[in-house]
N, C-alpha and C. Protein backbone atom coordinates (compact mmCIF):
# COMPACT_ATOMS: atom_id res chain seq x y z
N MET A 1 28.94 9.59 14.81
CA MET A 1 27.61 9.28 14.29
C MET A 1 26.72 10.46 14.40
N GLN A 2 26.07 10.83 13.24
CA GLN A 2 25.25 12.00 13.29
C GLN A 2 23.81 11.70 13.61
N ASN A 3 23.08 12.67 14.10
CA ASN A 3 21.65 12.45 14.48
C ASN A 3 20.76 12.83 13.30
N LEU A 4 19.47 12.70 13.54
CA LEU A 4 18.51 13.02 12.51
C LEU A 4 18.47 14.48 12.10
N LEU A 5 18.75 15.36 13.05
CA LEU A 5 18.81 16.81 12.71
C LEU A 5 19.91 17.09 11.80
N ASP A 6 21.07 16.42 12.01
CA ASP A 6 22.20 16.62 11.09
C ASP A 6 21.88 16.10 9.68
N SER A 7 21.21 14.98 9.66
CA SER A 7 20.83 14.35 8.37
C SER A 7 19.85 15.29 7.59
N GLU A 8 18.95 15.84 8.37
CA GLU A 8 17.87 16.75 7.77
C GLU A 8 18.58 18.00 7.21
N LYS A 9 19.53 18.59 7.96
CA LYS A 9 20.27 19.76 7.49
C LYS A 9 21.06 19.45 6.29
N LYS A 10 21.76 18.29 6.25
CA LYS A 10 22.55 17.87 5.13
C LYS A 10 21.74 17.72 3.86
N ILE A 11 20.62 17.04 3.97
CA ILE A 11 19.71 16.83 2.83
C ILE A 11 19.21 18.14 2.34
N ASN A 12 18.76 19.00 3.22
CA ASN A 12 18.26 20.31 2.81
C ASN A 12 19.30 21.23 2.12
N SER A 13 20.47 21.17 2.66
CA SER A 13 21.60 22.01 2.11
C SER A 13 22.07 21.53 0.76
N GLU A 14 22.12 20.18 0.59
CA GLU A 14 22.62 19.62 -0.66
C GLU A 14 21.59 19.55 -1.79
N LEU A 15 20.30 19.34 -1.36
CA LEU A 15 19.26 19.15 -2.34
C LEU A 15 18.21 20.27 -2.26
N THR A 16 18.63 21.49 -2.11
CA THR A 16 17.75 22.60 -1.78
C THR A 16 16.51 22.67 -2.69
N THR A 17 16.72 22.64 -4.06
CA THR A 17 15.57 22.81 -5.00
C THR A 17 14.81 21.53 -5.15
N LYS A 18 15.35 20.36 -4.75
CA LYS A 18 14.61 19.07 -4.88
C LYS A 18 13.72 18.70 -3.77
N ILE A 19 13.82 19.45 -2.63
CA ILE A 19 13.10 19.04 -1.43
C ILE A 19 11.91 20.05 -1.20
N ASN A 20 10.72 19.52 -1.10
CA ASN A 20 9.55 20.34 -0.86
C ASN A 20 9.29 20.55 0.64
N LEU A 21 9.55 19.49 1.44
CA LEU A 21 9.33 19.61 2.85
C LEU A 21 10.10 18.55 3.60
N THR A 22 10.61 18.84 4.80
CA THR A 22 11.24 17.84 5.64
C THR A 22 10.72 18.05 7.05
N LYS A 23 10.54 16.94 7.77
CA LYS A 23 10.19 17.08 9.23
C LYS A 23 10.65 15.75 9.94
N ILE A 24 10.88 15.87 11.22
CA ILE A 24 11.23 14.71 12.05
C ILE A 24 10.07 14.43 12.90
N LYS A 25 9.61 13.18 12.83
CA LYS A 25 8.42 12.75 13.59
C LYS A 25 8.61 11.25 13.93
N HIS A 26 8.30 10.87 15.16
CA HIS A 26 8.46 9.47 15.67
C HIS A 26 9.88 8.96 15.41
N ASN A 27 10.87 9.80 15.59
CA ASN A 27 12.29 9.41 15.43
C ASN A 27 12.59 8.94 14.01
N GLN A 28 11.90 9.51 13.02
CA GLN A 28 12.11 9.25 11.62
C GLN A 28 12.11 10.53 10.85
N LEU A 29 12.79 10.55 9.76
CA LEU A 29 12.86 11.78 8.91
C LEU A 29 11.87 11.60 7.74
N TYR A 30 10.96 12.55 7.59
CA TYR A 30 9.99 12.51 6.50
C TYR A 30 10.41 13.57 5.48
N VAL A 31 10.48 13.17 4.19
CA VAL A 31 10.91 14.08 3.14
C VAL A 31 9.89 14.01 2.00
N GLU A 32 9.37 15.12 1.55
CA GLU A 32 8.45 15.22 0.40
C GLU A 32 9.19 15.86 -0.73
N ILE A 33 9.03 15.24 -1.92
CA ILE A 33 9.68 15.65 -3.16
C ILE A 33 8.69 15.67 -4.29
N ASP A 34 9.14 15.98 -5.52
CA ASP A 34 8.36 15.78 -6.77
C ASP A 34 8.83 14.49 -7.44
N LYS A 35 7.98 13.86 -8.14
CA LYS A 35 8.31 12.53 -8.73
C LYS A 35 9.48 12.64 -9.67
N GLU A 36 9.64 13.78 -10.35
CA GLU A 36 10.75 13.93 -11.30
C GLU A 36 12.12 13.86 -10.66
N ASP A 37 12.15 14.15 -9.34
CA ASP A 37 13.46 14.23 -8.67
C ASP A 37 13.76 12.86 -7.92
N LEU A 38 12.93 11.88 -8.09
CA LEU A 38 13.04 10.59 -7.29
C LEU A 38 14.45 10.01 -7.44
N ILE A 39 14.92 9.75 -8.71
CA ILE A 39 16.17 9.05 -8.88
C ILE A 39 17.32 9.83 -8.30
N GLU A 40 17.35 11.14 -8.61
CA GLU A 40 18.49 11.96 -8.12
C GLU A 40 18.55 12.04 -6.56
N VAL A 41 17.36 12.20 -5.91
CA VAL A 41 17.31 12.31 -4.51
C VAL A 41 17.70 10.93 -3.82
N THR A 42 17.16 9.82 -4.46
CA THR A 42 17.47 8.44 -3.91
C THR A 42 18.98 8.21 -4.09
N LEU A 43 19.58 8.52 -5.20
CA LEU A 43 21.03 8.29 -5.42
C LEU A 43 21.81 9.06 -4.37
N PHE A 44 21.41 10.28 -4.08
CA PHE A 44 22.12 11.08 -3.07
C PHE A 44 21.99 10.40 -1.65
N LEU A 45 20.77 9.94 -1.29
CA LEU A 45 20.57 9.37 -0.01
C LEU A 45 21.35 8.04 0.17
N LYS A 46 21.48 7.37 -0.90
CA LYS A 46 22.18 6.05 -0.93
C LYS A 46 23.77 6.24 -0.87
N THR A 47 24.26 7.17 -1.64
CA THR A 47 25.72 7.23 -1.88
C THR A 47 26.42 8.28 -1.03
N ASN A 48 25.74 9.29 -0.50
CA ASN A 48 26.42 10.30 0.27
C ASN A 48 26.99 9.78 1.57
N LYS A 49 28.21 10.11 1.95
CA LYS A 49 28.86 9.58 3.15
C LYS A 49 28.18 10.01 4.43
N ASP A 50 27.35 11.12 4.40
CA ASP A 50 26.70 11.56 5.57
C ASP A 50 25.24 11.02 5.70
N THR A 51 24.78 10.31 4.77
CA THR A 51 23.39 9.75 4.85
C THR A 51 23.42 8.21 4.80
N LYS A 52 23.97 7.64 3.79
CA LYS A 52 24.13 6.18 3.63
C LYS A 52 22.81 5.38 3.87
N PHE A 53 21.75 5.81 3.25
CA PHE A 53 20.50 5.06 3.28
C PHE A 53 20.61 3.98 2.20
N ARG A 54 21.25 2.87 2.54
CA ARG A 54 21.54 1.86 1.56
C ARG A 54 20.57 0.69 1.46
N GLN A 55 19.57 0.76 2.27
CA GLN A 55 18.58 -0.36 2.14
C GLN A 55 17.21 0.22 1.90
N LEU A 56 16.59 -0.25 0.83
CA LEU A 56 15.19 0.04 0.57
C LEU A 56 14.32 -0.96 1.34
N ILE A 57 13.54 -0.53 2.27
CA ILE A 57 12.73 -1.44 3.07
C ILE A 57 11.44 -1.78 2.34
N ASP A 58 10.75 -0.73 1.87
CA ASP A 58 9.45 -0.97 1.30
C ASP A 58 9.06 0.17 0.39
N ILE A 59 8.12 -0.10 -0.53
CA ILE A 59 7.43 0.87 -1.34
C ILE A 59 5.96 0.65 -1.19
N THR A 60 5.20 1.66 -0.85
CA THR A 60 3.82 1.46 -0.73
C THR A 60 3.02 2.71 -1.21
N VAL A 61 1.70 2.67 -1.14
CA VAL A 61 0.87 3.76 -1.68
C VAL A 61 -0.22 4.00 -0.68
N VAL A 62 -0.60 5.33 -0.55
CA VAL A 62 -1.83 5.64 0.24
C VAL A 62 -2.79 6.23 -0.79
N ASP A 63 -4.08 5.73 -0.74
CA ASP A 63 -5.08 6.08 -1.71
C ASP A 63 -6.02 7.14 -1.14
N TYR A 64 -6.11 8.28 -1.82
CA TYR A 64 -7.08 9.31 -1.48
C TYR A 64 -7.99 9.52 -2.70
N PRO A 65 -9.00 8.72 -2.82
CA PRO A 65 -9.85 8.76 -4.07
C PRO A 65 -10.59 10.08 -4.32
N GLU A 66 -10.80 10.92 -3.19
CA GLU A 66 -11.48 12.15 -3.38
C GLU A 66 -10.60 13.29 -3.87
N LYS A 67 -9.26 13.09 -3.90
CA LYS A 67 -8.32 14.11 -4.28
C LYS A 67 -7.91 13.97 -5.77
N ALA A 68 -7.55 15.13 -6.35
CA ALA A 68 -7.05 15.12 -7.72
C ALA A 68 -5.70 14.37 -7.82
N GLN A 69 -4.85 14.58 -6.85
CA GLN A 69 -3.64 13.83 -6.71
C GLN A 69 -3.96 12.63 -5.83
N ARG A 70 -4.48 11.62 -6.47
CA ARG A 70 -5.08 10.49 -5.76
C ARG A 70 -4.11 9.69 -4.90
N PHE A 71 -2.94 9.38 -5.48
CA PHE A 71 -2.01 8.49 -4.78
C PHE A 71 -0.79 9.20 -4.18
N LYS A 72 -0.49 8.78 -2.95
CA LYS A 72 0.75 9.24 -2.29
C LYS A 72 1.66 8.04 -2.32
N ILE A 73 2.78 8.15 -3.11
CA ILE A 73 3.82 7.10 -3.19
C ILE A 73 4.76 7.24 -2.04
N VAL A 74 5.04 6.16 -1.30
CA VAL A 74 5.86 6.23 -0.07
C VAL A 74 6.99 5.22 -0.14
N TYR A 75 8.25 5.72 0.03
CA TYR A 75 9.45 4.87 0.07
C TYR A 75 10.05 4.84 1.45
N LEU A 76 10.39 3.72 1.99
CA LEU A 76 11.03 3.61 3.30
C LEU A 76 12.49 3.19 3.15
N PHE A 77 13.40 3.90 3.63
CA PHE A 77 14.84 3.60 3.55
C PHE A 77 15.44 3.49 4.88
N LEU A 78 16.48 2.65 5.02
CA LEU A 78 17.20 2.47 6.29
C LEU A 78 18.71 2.69 6.09
N SER A 79 19.29 3.38 7.06
CA SER A 79 20.77 3.51 7.08
C SER A 79 21.24 2.70 8.26
N HIS A 80 21.88 1.51 7.96
CA HIS A 80 22.40 0.61 9.03
C HIS A 80 23.49 1.32 9.78
N GLU A 81 24.32 2.03 9.05
CA GLU A 81 25.50 2.67 9.69
C GLU A 81 25.15 3.71 10.75
N PHE A 82 24.10 4.55 10.42
CA PHE A 82 23.65 5.55 11.32
C PHE A 82 22.41 5.16 12.12
N ASN A 83 21.92 3.98 11.86
CA ASN A 83 20.64 3.52 12.51
C ASN A 83 19.54 4.56 12.43
N GLN A 84 19.26 4.97 11.17
CA GLN A 84 18.26 5.97 10.91
C GLN A 84 17.33 5.50 9.80
N ARG A 85 16.10 6.01 9.89
CA ARG A 85 15.07 5.67 8.83
C ARG A 85 14.64 6.97 8.18
N ILE A 86 14.33 6.89 6.89
CA ILE A 86 13.82 8.04 6.20
C ILE A 86 12.62 7.59 5.38
N ILE A 87 11.60 8.44 5.36
CA ILE A 87 10.39 8.14 4.58
C ILE A 87 10.25 9.20 3.50
N LEU A 88 10.36 8.81 2.25
CA LEU A 88 10.36 9.69 1.11
C LEU A 88 8.97 9.54 0.42
N SER A 89 8.34 10.64 0.09
CA SER A 89 7.03 10.54 -0.54
C SER A 89 6.76 11.68 -1.55
N TYR A 90 5.79 11.43 -2.45
CA TYR A 90 5.30 12.37 -3.40
C TYR A 90 3.87 11.91 -3.81
N THR A 91 3.13 12.90 -4.39
CA THR A 91 1.76 12.60 -4.79
C THR A 91 1.68 12.59 -6.32
N ILE A 92 0.73 11.78 -6.83
CA ILE A 92 0.52 11.71 -8.34
C ILE A 92 -0.98 11.54 -8.62
N THR A 93 -1.35 11.78 -9.88
CA THR A 93 -2.71 11.51 -10.28
C THR A 93 -2.84 10.03 -10.60
N GLU A 94 -4.07 9.61 -10.83
CA GLU A 94 -4.32 8.20 -11.05
C GLU A 94 -3.68 7.57 -12.29
N LYS A 95 -3.56 8.40 -13.34
CA LYS A 95 -3.01 7.81 -14.61
C LYS A 95 -1.55 8.10 -14.84
N GLU A 96 -0.89 8.79 -13.87
CA GLU A 96 0.51 9.19 -14.03
C GLU A 96 1.46 8.07 -14.08
N LEU A 97 2.45 8.19 -14.90
CA LEU A 97 3.56 7.24 -15.02
C LEU A 97 4.72 7.70 -14.12
N ILE A 98 5.20 6.88 -13.28
CA ILE A 98 6.33 7.29 -12.37
C ILE A 98 7.54 6.50 -12.61
N PRO A 99 8.76 7.12 -12.26
CA PRO A 99 10.05 6.37 -12.54
C PRO A 99 10.19 5.17 -11.68
N SER A 100 10.78 4.15 -12.26
CA SER A 100 11.10 2.91 -11.47
C SER A 100 12.42 3.11 -10.77
N LEU A 101 12.47 2.55 -9.57
CA LEU A 101 13.74 2.69 -8.75
C LEU A 101 14.60 1.44 -8.91
N THR A 102 14.34 0.56 -9.90
CA THR A 102 15.10 -0.67 -10.01
C THR A 102 16.52 -0.40 -10.44
N SER A 103 16.84 0.70 -11.06
CA SER A 103 18.24 1.01 -11.49
C SER A 103 19.05 1.37 -10.29
N VAL A 104 18.49 1.90 -9.23
CA VAL A 104 19.24 2.26 -7.99
C VAL A 104 19.15 1.11 -6.98
N PHE A 105 18.01 0.58 -6.73
CA PHE A 105 17.75 -0.54 -5.82
C PHE A 105 17.10 -1.69 -6.60
N PRO A 106 17.83 -2.69 -7.04
CA PRO A 106 17.21 -3.82 -7.72
C PRO A 106 16.11 -4.48 -6.96
N SER A 107 16.12 -4.42 -5.62
CA SER A 107 15.03 -5.00 -4.80
C SER A 107 13.72 -4.34 -4.98
N ALA A 108 13.74 -3.15 -5.60
CA ALA A 108 12.44 -2.45 -5.92
C ALA A 108 11.57 -3.20 -6.91
N ASN A 109 12.19 -4.14 -7.65
CA ASN A 109 11.42 -4.85 -8.68
C ASN A 109 10.10 -5.40 -8.18
N TRP A 110 10.14 -6.30 -7.16
CA TRP A 110 8.97 -6.95 -6.65
C TRP A 110 8.08 -5.95 -5.89
N MET A 111 8.67 -5.03 -5.26
CA MET A 111 7.84 -4.01 -4.53
C MET A 111 6.99 -3.14 -5.49
N GLU A 112 7.63 -2.76 -6.62
CA GLU A 112 6.85 -2.02 -7.61
C GLU A 112 5.82 -2.81 -8.32
N ARG A 113 6.10 -4.14 -8.47
CA ARG A 113 5.08 -5.00 -9.04
C ARG A 113 3.89 -5.17 -8.16
N GLU A 114 4.14 -5.23 -6.84
CA GLU A 114 3.03 -5.33 -5.85
C GLU A 114 2.20 -3.97 -5.88
N VAL A 115 2.84 -2.88 -5.93
CA VAL A 115 2.16 -1.57 -6.00
C VAL A 115 1.35 -1.46 -7.29
N PHE A 116 1.93 -2.01 -8.45
CA PHE A 116 1.16 -1.98 -9.69
C PHE A 116 -0.05 -2.93 -9.59
N ASP A 117 0.12 -4.05 -9.00
CA ASP A 117 -0.96 -5.03 -8.90
C ASP A 117 -2.07 -4.52 -7.93
N MET A 118 -1.68 -4.03 -6.78
CA MET A 118 -2.72 -3.66 -5.76
C MET A 118 -3.35 -2.30 -5.96
N TYR A 119 -2.58 -1.32 -6.62
CA TYR A 119 -3.13 -0.02 -6.73
C TYR A 119 -3.26 0.47 -8.19
N GLY A 120 -2.65 -0.23 -9.16
CA GLY A 120 -2.73 0.18 -10.58
C GLY A 120 -1.78 1.32 -10.91
N VAL A 121 -0.72 1.53 -10.15
CA VAL A 121 0.32 2.56 -10.39
C VAL A 121 1.29 2.05 -11.42
N ASN A 122 1.56 2.77 -12.49
CA ASN A 122 2.49 2.31 -13.54
C ASN A 122 3.88 2.92 -13.37
N PHE A 123 4.90 2.04 -13.55
CA PHE A 123 6.28 2.47 -13.43
C PHE A 123 6.99 2.50 -14.80
N LYS A 124 7.65 3.60 -15.09
CA LYS A 124 8.42 3.70 -16.34
C LYS A 124 9.77 2.97 -16.22
N ASP A 125 10.16 2.30 -17.24
CA ASP A 125 11.47 1.57 -17.27
C ASP A 125 11.53 0.35 -16.30
N HIS A 126 10.44 -0.17 -15.84
CA HIS A 126 10.48 -1.36 -15.05
C HIS A 126 10.73 -2.57 -15.87
N PRO A 127 11.63 -3.47 -15.48
CA PRO A 127 12.00 -4.57 -16.31
C PRO A 127 10.94 -5.65 -16.56
N ASP A 128 9.96 -5.74 -15.64
CA ASP A 128 8.94 -6.82 -15.78
C ASP A 128 7.70 -6.47 -15.03
N LEU A 129 7.01 -5.44 -15.53
CA LEU A 129 5.85 -4.94 -14.77
C LEU A 129 4.59 -5.75 -15.09
N ARG A 130 4.31 -6.73 -14.25
CA ARG A 130 3.04 -7.54 -14.36
C ARG A 130 2.60 -7.90 -12.96
N ARG A 131 1.33 -8.35 -12.94
CA ARG A 131 0.75 -8.73 -11.60
C ARG A 131 1.62 -9.76 -10.86
N ILE A 132 1.60 -9.61 -9.51
CA ILE A 132 2.42 -10.51 -8.71
C ILE A 132 1.59 -11.25 -7.67
N LEU A 133 0.49 -10.63 -7.18
CA LEU A 133 -0.28 -11.26 -6.11
C LEU A 133 -1.65 -11.77 -6.55
N THR A 134 -2.25 -11.18 -7.61
CA THR A 134 -3.57 -11.61 -8.07
C THR A 134 -3.36 -12.56 -9.29
N ASP A 135 -4.47 -13.17 -9.69
CA ASP A 135 -4.41 -14.17 -10.76
C ASP A 135 -4.45 -13.55 -12.10
N TYR A 136 -4.17 -14.36 -13.16
CA TYR A 136 -4.28 -13.90 -14.49
C TYR A 136 -5.70 -13.43 -14.85
N GLY A 137 -5.85 -12.37 -15.52
CA GLY A 137 -7.13 -11.89 -15.87
C GLY A 137 -7.96 -11.22 -14.76
N PHE A 138 -7.30 -10.98 -13.61
CA PHE A 138 -7.97 -10.31 -12.46
C PHE A 138 -8.39 -8.95 -12.84
N GLU A 139 -9.58 -8.50 -12.47
CA GLU A 139 -10.11 -7.19 -12.76
C GLU A 139 -9.99 -6.28 -11.57
N GLY A 140 -9.45 -5.04 -11.79
CA GLY A 140 -9.36 -4.07 -10.74
C GLY A 140 -8.07 -4.17 -9.93
N HIS A 141 -8.02 -3.36 -8.87
CA HIS A 141 -6.86 -3.28 -7.97
C HIS A 141 -7.34 -3.30 -6.53
N PRO A 142 -7.14 -4.39 -5.82
CA PRO A 142 -7.85 -4.68 -4.55
C PRO A 142 -7.56 -3.67 -3.41
N LEU A 143 -6.44 -2.91 -3.42
CA LEU A 143 -6.20 -2.04 -2.26
C LEU A 143 -6.70 -0.60 -2.54
N ARG A 144 -7.27 -0.35 -3.71
CA ARG A 144 -7.94 0.97 -3.93
C ARG A 144 -9.18 1.05 -3.09
N LYS A 145 -9.50 2.21 -2.56
CA LYS A 145 -10.61 2.32 -1.64
C LYS A 145 -11.95 2.17 -2.34
N ASP A 146 -11.96 2.30 -3.71
CA ASP A 146 -13.26 2.14 -4.44
C ASP A 146 -13.46 0.75 -4.91
N PHE A 147 -12.52 -0.21 -4.57
CA PHE A 147 -12.70 -1.61 -4.93
C PHE A 147 -13.71 -2.29 -4.03
N PRO A 148 -14.71 -2.99 -4.58
CA PRO A 148 -15.76 -3.60 -3.71
C PRO A 148 -15.18 -4.64 -2.73
N LEU A 149 -15.64 -4.60 -1.46
CA LEU A 149 -15.11 -5.50 -0.45
C LEU A 149 -15.31 -6.95 -0.78
N THR A 150 -16.35 -7.28 -1.56
CA THR A 150 -16.59 -8.72 -1.93
C THR A 150 -15.87 -9.06 -3.21
N GLY A 151 -15.27 -8.07 -3.83
CA GLY A 151 -14.57 -8.37 -5.14
C GLY A 151 -15.58 -8.34 -6.25
N ASN A 152 -15.09 -8.55 -7.51
CA ASN A 152 -15.99 -8.56 -8.69
C ASN A 152 -16.39 -9.96 -9.06
N THR A 153 -15.46 -10.92 -8.94
CA THR A 153 -15.74 -12.32 -9.34
C THR A 153 -15.34 -13.25 -8.22
N GLU A 154 -15.90 -14.42 -8.28
CA GLU A 154 -15.52 -15.47 -7.31
C GLU A 154 -15.12 -16.74 -8.14
N VAL A 155 -14.25 -17.52 -7.55
CA VAL A 155 -13.75 -18.70 -8.15
C VAL A 155 -14.34 -19.95 -7.49
N ARG A 156 -14.88 -20.91 -8.24
CA ARG A 156 -15.40 -22.11 -7.62
C ARG A 156 -15.26 -23.28 -8.61
N TYR A 157 -15.36 -24.48 -8.14
CA TYR A 157 -15.35 -25.68 -8.90
C TYR A 157 -16.77 -25.96 -9.37
N SER A 158 -16.94 -26.10 -10.68
CA SER A 158 -18.30 -26.44 -11.28
C SER A 158 -18.36 -27.92 -11.47
N GLU A 159 -19.32 -28.57 -10.73
CA GLU A 159 -19.52 -30.02 -10.94
C GLU A 159 -20.05 -30.27 -12.31
N ASP A 160 -20.86 -29.39 -12.86
CA ASP A 160 -21.42 -29.61 -14.25
C ASP A 160 -20.31 -29.57 -15.27
N LYS A 161 -19.47 -28.54 -15.23
CA LYS A 161 -18.43 -28.39 -16.23
C LYS A 161 -17.19 -29.11 -15.92
N LYS A 162 -17.03 -29.65 -14.67
CA LYS A 162 -15.84 -30.39 -14.24
C LYS A 162 -14.56 -29.58 -14.34
N LYS A 163 -14.69 -28.29 -13.99
CA LYS A 163 -13.50 -27.47 -13.96
C LYS A 163 -13.73 -26.20 -13.04
N VAL A 164 -12.68 -25.49 -12.80
CA VAL A 164 -12.76 -24.30 -11.97
C VAL A 164 -13.24 -23.21 -12.88
N ILE A 165 -14.25 -22.46 -12.38
CA ILE A 165 -14.84 -21.35 -13.15
C ILE A 165 -14.82 -20.04 -12.37
N ASN A 166 -14.82 -18.91 -13.10
CA ASN A 166 -15.04 -17.57 -12.53
C ASN A 166 -16.42 -17.12 -12.86
N GLU A 167 -17.04 -16.53 -11.83
CA GLU A 167 -18.40 -16.00 -12.06
C GLU A 167 -18.65 -14.79 -11.15
N PRO A 168 -19.54 -13.90 -11.50
CA PRO A 168 -19.81 -12.67 -10.67
C PRO A 168 -20.20 -13.14 -9.26
N VAL A 169 -19.76 -12.30 -8.32
CA VAL A 169 -20.06 -12.60 -6.89
C VAL A 169 -21.57 -12.60 -6.58
N LYS A 170 -22.04 -13.63 -5.91
CA LYS A 170 -23.40 -13.70 -5.47
C LYS A 170 -23.38 -13.93 -3.92
N LEU A 171 -23.93 -12.98 -3.19
CA LEU A 171 -24.04 -13.24 -1.72
C LEU A 171 -25.41 -13.76 -1.40
N GLU A 172 -25.43 -14.95 -0.80
CA GLU A 172 -26.71 -15.45 -0.35
C GLU A 172 -27.32 -14.59 0.77
N GLN A 173 -28.71 -14.59 0.72
CA GLN A 173 -29.35 -13.66 1.66
C GLN A 173 -29.06 -14.00 3.09
N ASN A 174 -28.92 -15.28 3.46
CA ASN A 174 -28.70 -15.59 4.83
C ASN A 174 -27.35 -15.04 5.34
N TYR A 175 -26.42 -14.70 4.45
CA TYR A 175 -25.20 -14.10 4.90
C TYR A 175 -25.28 -12.60 5.08
N ARG A 176 -26.39 -12.03 4.69
CA ARG A 176 -26.61 -10.55 4.82
C ARG A 176 -27.27 -10.25 6.15
N ASN A 177 -27.94 -11.18 6.78
CA ASN A 177 -28.66 -10.88 8.06
C ASN A 177 -27.80 -11.34 9.19
N PHE A 178 -27.38 -10.36 9.99
CA PHE A 178 -26.51 -10.65 11.13
C PHE A 178 -27.21 -10.42 12.41
N ASP A 179 -27.00 -11.25 13.36
CA ASP A 179 -27.52 -11.08 14.71
C ASP A 179 -26.41 -10.43 15.61
N TYR A 180 -26.62 -9.16 15.94
CA TYR A 180 -25.60 -8.42 16.67
C TYR A 180 -25.73 -8.54 18.16
N GLN A 181 -26.64 -9.40 18.63
CA GLN A 181 -26.77 -9.61 20.09
C GLN A 181 -25.57 -10.25 20.66
N SER A 182 -25.29 -9.85 21.90
CA SER A 182 -24.12 -10.43 22.59
C SER A 182 -24.36 -11.90 22.85
N PRO A 183 -23.37 -12.76 22.53
CA PRO A 183 -23.60 -14.23 22.80
C PRO A 183 -23.61 -14.50 24.27
N TRP A 184 -23.07 -13.57 25.13
CA TRP A 184 -23.09 -13.79 26.60
C TRP A 184 -24.46 -13.53 27.20
N GLU A 185 -25.19 -12.59 26.60
CA GLU A 185 -26.50 -12.20 27.13
C GLU A 185 -27.57 -13.11 26.50
N GLY A 186 -27.34 -13.66 25.34
CA GLY A 186 -28.35 -14.49 24.68
C GLY A 186 -29.18 -13.69 23.79
N THR A 187 -29.61 -14.19 22.68
CA THR A 187 -30.36 -13.44 21.69
C THR A 187 -31.82 -13.36 22.16
N GLU A 188 -32.61 -12.45 21.61
CA GLU A 188 -33.99 -12.22 22.07
C GLU A 188 -34.86 -13.46 21.84
N TYR A 189 -34.69 -14.09 20.69
CA TYR A 189 -35.61 -15.20 20.48
C TYR A 189 -35.34 -16.41 21.39
N ILE A 190 -34.13 -16.56 21.81
CA ILE A 190 -33.80 -17.65 22.80
C ILE A 190 -34.35 -17.28 24.18
N LYS A 191 -34.19 -15.98 24.52
CA LYS A 191 -34.72 -15.50 25.81
C LYS A 191 -36.28 -15.69 25.88
N GLU A 192 -36.95 -15.38 24.74
CA GLU A 192 -38.39 -15.51 24.72
C GLU A 192 -38.79 -16.97 24.87
N GLN A 193 -38.05 -17.89 24.19
CA GLN A 193 -38.37 -19.29 24.29
C GLN A 193 -38.15 -19.81 25.68
N ILE A 194 -37.07 -19.35 26.39
CA ILE A 194 -36.80 -19.80 27.74
C ILE A 194 -37.91 -19.26 28.64
N ASN A 195 -38.33 -18.04 28.49
CA ASN A 195 -39.38 -17.48 29.34
C ASN A 195 -40.71 -18.25 29.11
N ASN A 196 -41.04 -18.57 27.86
CA ASN A 196 -42.26 -19.35 27.59
C ASN A 196 -42.21 -20.72 28.16
N ASP A 197 -40.97 -21.39 28.11
CA ASP A 197 -40.84 -22.73 28.74
C ASP A 197 -41.08 -22.67 30.25
N LYS A 198 -40.59 -21.54 30.88
CA LYS A 198 -40.75 -21.41 32.31
C LYS A 198 -42.20 -21.27 32.72
N LYS A 199 -42.94 -20.59 31.93
CA LYS A 199 -44.37 -20.30 32.15
C LYS A 199 -45.13 -21.61 32.07
N ASN A 200 -44.75 -22.47 31.10
CA ASN A 200 -45.47 -23.73 30.88
C ASN A 200 -44.95 -24.77 31.84
């Protein structure tokens, strides 16, 4: 059984022009590539006898709204045979179209739909790219850092219309005023009332 250093050397020697950076951190191998090389690199990692990363664990995104290359796409793979993990990543701009991994790992289907729904990243050649976690007609992408914390619309039952309706979010004023006093020490207005009661 080979260790992570052996895997790193193998990947760098076989995929020399496809790899931008490799490093071992927290007992995992981190590999940075360009999006154009995703399918080729992933096929190598899955099929090569010295790597055997045959399970796609997850696909996720890190959002850096201040950068030109806004999204960092991250793939997590596991080799059961060697008990190793690899984290593959590359960066893209907001409107870039990236290759779908469903031809190599069919399980990528739902993971890519989740990334599309939550971040708005589009996948080329995906068999069924549509929202998976939010409702029909939902506006925006909830895990982007510029998405408002309260959302854009709220859903409620209208007694007048006798149906569920969508409407812009309205926060009542009493939900905006918070008392940050410690409940163990008591709030100021309660302390003042107790002191006044003691005096009387």
